[in-house]
Structures are given as structure tokens and as C-alpha cells.
Amino acid sequence: MARTPTEAGEALLPGLIAVFSALAAPSPPGAGPLTPPAEPWQVRYEGRFRRHGHPVPGVWTASTVHCPGCGGTTGPWTVTCDWSRIALGCPCGSVTRAHGLAFSEVRLVLPDV
């Protein structure tokens, strides 16, 4: 539902514009990255990974991730994360990044890494 902007909301706009402009601007020459470098990690996991979806309001779906090589579902998986992508390695030798899992879905089932 659309509403008319309030005076308080209008007063915030100049500050928000400045913040988002600064975030979108290129880094000055010689500046370091905004996030510190993170080491990749790897862990073994024996069990199933479930991919969850919410296609429409009131409907949730879940499917089990399968190995593209052998069709296995319980691993033991070798989970490798380079902090931008997660790869699942199967004992059959197949490695896939096309599993559809979100980082949070993988992180929730793994022991402390």
C-alpha cells in the first residue's frame, strides 16, 4: 500500500542519498578492500542436504540434493567453501557447484568450521 512520505522520512533522504552514493562510488586508488580476506575451508559431512524453497505464499518445498555423477544423496560429502561459492564433492569423484543450496542452508547443517 503506497503512502504519502512524511516530513521525517523526507528529512532522512539527503543522508541516505549520501550513504548510498558513497557505497556505490569506486574505491580511491590504493585503497584496500572493504572486507578482510577470508581463508577457504573444507569439511566432510555425512548426511543429506535439503534444498528449501518458498515458491508462493503459504507453500514451502524441500528436495534432497543428489550427486550429478552417481545420484547419491548421503555422502560423505566434501564441502569446500571459498566464501563466494560452495562445492560439494562426492565419494564417486564428482564435484558440483550446481546444487542450488544457499550458504546458510549448508552452514546450518555443518559442524563448527
C-alpha atoms as a PDB file:
ATOM      1  CA  MET A   1       0.000   0.000   0.000  1.00  0.00           C
ATOM      2  CA  ALA A   2       1.511   3.323  -1.063  1.00  0.00           C
ATOM      3  CA  ARG A   3       1.618   6.128   1.468  1.00  0.00           C
ATOM      4  CA  THR A   4       2.467   9.800   1.273  1.00  0.00           C
ATOM      5  CA  PRO A   5       6.013  10.482   2.534  1.00  0.00           C
ATOM      6  CA  THR A   6       6.174  12.012   5.985  1.00  0.00           C
ATOM      7  CA  GLU A   7       8.297  15.024   6.873  1.00  0.00           C
ATOM      8  CA  ALA A   8      10.521  12.773   8.995  1.00  0.00           C
ATOM      9  CA  GLY A   9      11.046  10.432   6.043  1.00  0.00           C
ATOM     10  CA  GLU A  10      11.775  13.329   3.703  1.00  0.00           C
ATOM     11  CA  ALA A  11      14.348  14.644   6.182  1.00  0.00           C
ATOM     12  CA  LEU A  12      16.257  11.327   6.001  1.00  0.00           C
ATOM     13  CA  LEU A  13      16.614  11.325   2.210  1.00  0.00           C
ATOM     14  CA  PRO A  14      19.687  13.597   1.856  1.00  0.00           C
ATOM     15  CA  GLY A  15      21.645  11.461   4.333  1.00  0.00           C
ATOM     16  CA  LEU A  16      20.562   8.216   2.680  1.00  0.00           C
ATOM     17  CA  ILE A  17      21.476   9.554  -0.756  1.00  0.00           C
ATOM     18  CA  ALA A  18      24.954  10.434   0.537  1.00  0.00           C
ATOM     19  CA  VAL A  19      25.442   6.982   2.121  1.00  0.00           C
ATOM     20  CA  PHE A  20      24.346   5.038  -0.965  1.00  0.00           C
ATOM     21  CA  SER A  21      26.362   7.312  -3.255  1.00  0.00           C
ATOM     22  CA  ALA A  22      29.484   6.631  -1.174  1.00  0.00           C
ATOM     23  CA  LEU A  23      28.829   2.874  -1.226  1.00  0.00           C
ATOM     24  CA  ALA A  24      28.349   2.866  -4.998  1.00  0.00           C
ATOM     25  CA  ALA A  25      31.418   5.013  -5.718  1.00  0.00           C
ATOM     26  CA  PRO A  26      34.615   3.307  -6.871  1.00  0.00           C
ATOM     27  CA  SER A  27      37.345   2.901  -4.260  1.00  0.00           C
ATOM     28  CA  PRO A  28      40.075   5.540  -4.294  1.00  0.00           C
ATOM     29  CA  PRO A  29      43.391   4.431  -5.841  1.00  0.00           C
ATOM     30  CA  GLY A  30      45.473   2.422  -3.378  1.00  0.00           C
ATOM     31  CA  ALA A  31      42.550   1.701  -1.044  1.00  0.00           C
ATOM     32  CA  GLY A  32      42.237  -1.800   0.364  1.00  0.00           C
ATOM     33  CA  PRO A  33      39.159  -3.987   0.132  1.00  0.00           C
ATOM     34  CA  LEU A  34      36.240  -3.238   2.453  1.00  0.00           C
ATOM     35  CA  THR A  35      36.170  -6.820   3.719  1.00  0.00           C
ATOM     36  CA  PRO A  36      39.195  -8.673   5.065  1.00  0.00           C
ATOM     37  CA  PRO A  37      40.456 -11.676   3.137  1.00  0.00           C
ATOM     38  CA  ALA A  38      39.000 -14.960   4.366  1.00  0.00           C
ATOM     39  CA  GLU A  39      40.656 -18.334   4.122  1.00  0.00           C
ATOM     40  CA  PRO A  40      38.766 -21.040   2.224  1.00  0.00           C
ATOM     41  CA  TRP A  41      37.653 -24.009   4.319  1.00  0.00           C
ATOM     42  CA  GLN A  42      36.816 -27.639   3.728  1.00  0.00           C
ATOM     43  CA  VAL A  43      34.909 -30.135   5.869  1.00  0.00           C
ATOM     44  CA  ARG A  44      33.439 -33.624   5.453  1.00  0.00           C
ATOM     45  CA  TYR A  45      29.738 -34.118   6.034  1.00  0.00           C
ATOM     46  CA  GLU A  46      27.869 -37.402   6.083  1.00  0.00           C
ATOM     47  CA  GLY A  47      24.173 -36.899   5.585  1.00  0.00           C
ATOM     48  CA  ARG A  48      21.682 -35.282   3.274  1.00  0.00           C
ATOM     49  CA  PHE A  49      21.487 -31.709   2.105  1.00  0.00           C
ATOM     50  CA  ARG A  50      17.947 -30.420   1.686  1.00  0.00           C
ATOM     51  CA  ARG A  51      17.218 -27.518  -0.632  1.00  0.00           C
ATOM     52  CA  HIS A  52      14.231 -25.453   0.564  1.00  0.00           C
ATOM     53  CA  GLY A  53      12.030 -23.156  -1.466  1.00  0.00           C
ATOM     54  CA  HIS A  54       9.113 -20.821  -0.960  1.00  0.00           C
ATOM     55  CA  PRO A  55       7.526 -20.529  -4.428  1.00  0.00           C
ATOM     56  CA  VAL A  56       4.283 -18.842  -3.313  1.00  0.00           C
ATOM     57  CA  PRO A  57       2.899 -17.544  -0.017  1.00  0.00           C
ATOM     58  CA  GLY A  58       1.919 -20.401   2.275  1.00  0.00           C
ATOM     59  CA  VAL A  59       3.807 -23.042   0.267  1.00  0.00           C
ATOM     60  CA  TRP A  60       7.218 -24.444   1.216  1.00  0.00           C
ATOM     61  CA  THR A  61       9.112 -27.075  -0.757  1.00  0.00           C
ATOM     62  CA  ALA A  62      12.096 -29.278   0.076  1.00  0.00           C
ATOM     63  CA  SER A  63      14.162 -31.543  -2.136  1.00  0.00           C
ATOM     64  CA  THR A  64      17.249 -33.636  -1.491  1.00  0.00           C
ATOM     65  CA  VAL A  65      20.483 -32.703  -3.279  1.00  0.00           C
ATOM     66  CA  HIS A  66      21.776 -35.525  -5.497  1.00  0.00           C
ATOM     67  CA  CYS A  67      25.274 -36.131  -6.860  1.00  0.00           C
ATOM     68  CA  PRO A  68      25.268 -35.444 -10.623  1.00  0.00           C
ATOM     69  CA  GLY A  69      27.632 -38.376 -11.186  1.00  0.00           C
ATOM     70  CA  CYS A  70      26.193 -41.288  -9.234  1.00  0.00           C
ATOM     71  CA  GLY A  71      22.886 -39.944  -7.888  1.00  0.00           C
ATOM     72  CA  GLY A  72      23.962 -40.459  -4.266  1.00  0.00           C
ATOM     73  CA  THR A  73      22.337 -38.338  -1.580  1.00  0.00           C
ATOM     74  CA  THR A  74      24.045 -39.140   1.723  1.00  0.00           C
ATOM     75  CA  GLY A  75      27.716 -38.529   1.022  1.00  0.00           C
ATOM     76  CA  PRO A  76      30.017 -38.389   2.795  1.00  0.00           C
ATOM     77  CA  TRP A  77      30.284 -35.040   1.039  1.00  0.00           C
ATOM     78  CA  THR A  78      33.461 -32.995   0.943  1.00  0.00           C
ATOM     79  CA  VAL A  79      32.196 -29.433   1.345  1.00  0.00           C
ATOM     80  CA  THR A  80      34.572 -26.730   0.124  1.00  0.00           C
ATOM     81  CA  CYS A  81      33.840 -23.028   0.511  1.00  0.00           C
ATOM     82  CA  ASP A  82      35.940 -20.175  -0.863  1.00  0.00           C
ATOM     83  CA  TRP A  83      33.472 -17.633   0.644  1.00  0.00           C
ATOM     84  CA  SER A  84      31.928 -16.894  -2.726  1.00  0.00           C
ATOM     85  CA  ARG A  85      30.877 -20.401  -3.811  1.00  0.00           C
ATOM     86  CA  ILE A  86      30.281 -23.775  -2.203  1.00  0.00           C
ATOM     87  CA  ALA A  87      31.346 -27.003  -3.907  1.00  0.00           C
ATOM     88  CA  LEU A  88      30.074 -30.452  -2.938  1.00  0.00           C
ATOM     89  CA  GLY A  89      32.410 -33.371  -3.627  1.00  0.00           C
ATOM     90  CA  CYS A  90      31.026 -36.905  -3.733  1.00  0.00           C
ATOM     91  CA  PRO A  91      32.992 -40.111  -2.967  1.00  0.00           C
ATOM     92  CA  CYS A  92      32.467 -41.110  -6.632  1.00  0.00           C
ATOM     93  CA  GLY A  93      34.759 -38.216  -7.613  1.00  0.00           C
ATOM     94  CA  SER A  94      32.117 -35.794  -8.922  1.00  0.00           C
ATOM     95  CA  VAL A  95      32.278 -32.211  -7.712  1.00  0.00           C
ATOM     96  CA  THR A  96      29.376 -29.844  -8.254  1.00  0.00           C
ATOM     97  CA  ARG A  97      28.633 -26.208  -7.650  1.00  0.00           C
ATOM     98  CA  ALA A  98      25.202 -26.537  -9.315  1.00  0.00           C
ATOM     99  CA  HIS A  99      23.442 -27.767  -6.177  1.00  0.00           C
ATOM    100  CA  GLY A 100      21.163 -24.777  -5.628  1.00  0.00           C
ATOM    101  CA  LEU A 101      21.978 -24.534  -1.924  1.00  0.00           C
ATOM    102  CA  ALA A 102      22.347 -21.205  -0.181  1.00  0.00           C
ATOM    103  CA  PHE A 103      25.345 -20.621   2.073  1.00  0.00           C
ATOM    104  CA  SER A 104      23.046 -20.509   5.102  1.00  0.00           C
ATOM    105  CA  GLU A 105      21.488 -23.889   4.215  1.00  0.00           C
ATOM    106  CA  VAL A 106      24.919 -25.518   4.133  1.00  0.00           C
ATOM    107  CA  ARG A 107      26.275 -23.720   7.186  1.00  0.00           C
ATOM    108  CA  LEU A 108      23.321 -24.767   9.361  1.00  0.00           C
ATOM    109  CA  VAL A 109      23.973 -28.498   8.939  1.00  0.00           C
ATOM    110  CA  LEU A 110      27.769 -28.463   9.243  1.00  0.00           C
ATOM    111  CA  PRO A 111      29.685 -28.757  12.494  1.00  0.00           C
ATOM    112  CA  ASP A 112      31.592 -25.636  13.541  1.00  0.00           C
ATOM    113  CA  VAL A 113      34.101 -24.845  10.815  1.00  0.00           C
END
